[in-house]
Structure formats: structure tokens, C-alpha cells
Amino acid sequence: MDIIIEIELGEVIANRELNYKSTNGEQSLIVKLGKPRLDSKPGGDWECPIQIGEKIKLGYGVDSYQALLMAIQLVSIDLKYLKDKQKLNLNWLGMDDLGLNPISE
């Protein structure tokens, strides 16, 4: 038996619309970033929700900043999986670069 835990996205602080072509024509995939919040687990730190399509996940950190960074990294990892493994040809504003990677130091 699977245990299903519902995760609330909460307040959305950012979103991005990505596009891809399917047999039904041009489709959109919406990525949403929720506001970091205290983890609901006893003794927990911080969590930051993300939503890609209908699926919601959490990035965690010892403070709100780290939780936000982990959530953004989780978005990049999940979208890379969709592009590479699921062969979903995602684009943003017509570009293959989805504009998710931070500027390197």
C-alpha cells in the first residue's frame, strides 16, 4: 500500500511557462516556486515547495535561503530528467536553455 502525503504549494513567489511539442501540438508546462516556510515536522528546519505540472515536491534547508536554493536546484534536476530521460523537448521563449542555471562565480 502506498502512502500518499498531500503537499500544499502555498503562496507562489515565481513561475515560469515552458513549452514543448506533442502529438497534440504545442503544450505548456508550468513551473511554480512557493514561498519558503518552516518545516511542519517537529524540530524541522525550512522547506520550499515547487510544482512542475501537477506534481509538488519540497526542497529543504537549515534556513529559508538554503531551502529556496535547494528548491531551485530540484527544479533544474527534474526538468533535466524530463528533457534527457523522458525526451520532452522543453523550451523557454523558443530557446533550449530554460534559463534556470545561476551565473557561475
Foldseek 3Di string as FASTA:
>chain_A
DDDDDDDDQAAWPDKAWKWFQDPVGIDIKMKTKGQKDFDPDVVFAIWIWIDTRHDIDIAGDNHRVNRRVRNLVVVVVVVVCCCPVVVTQIDGPPHSPNPSDDDDD
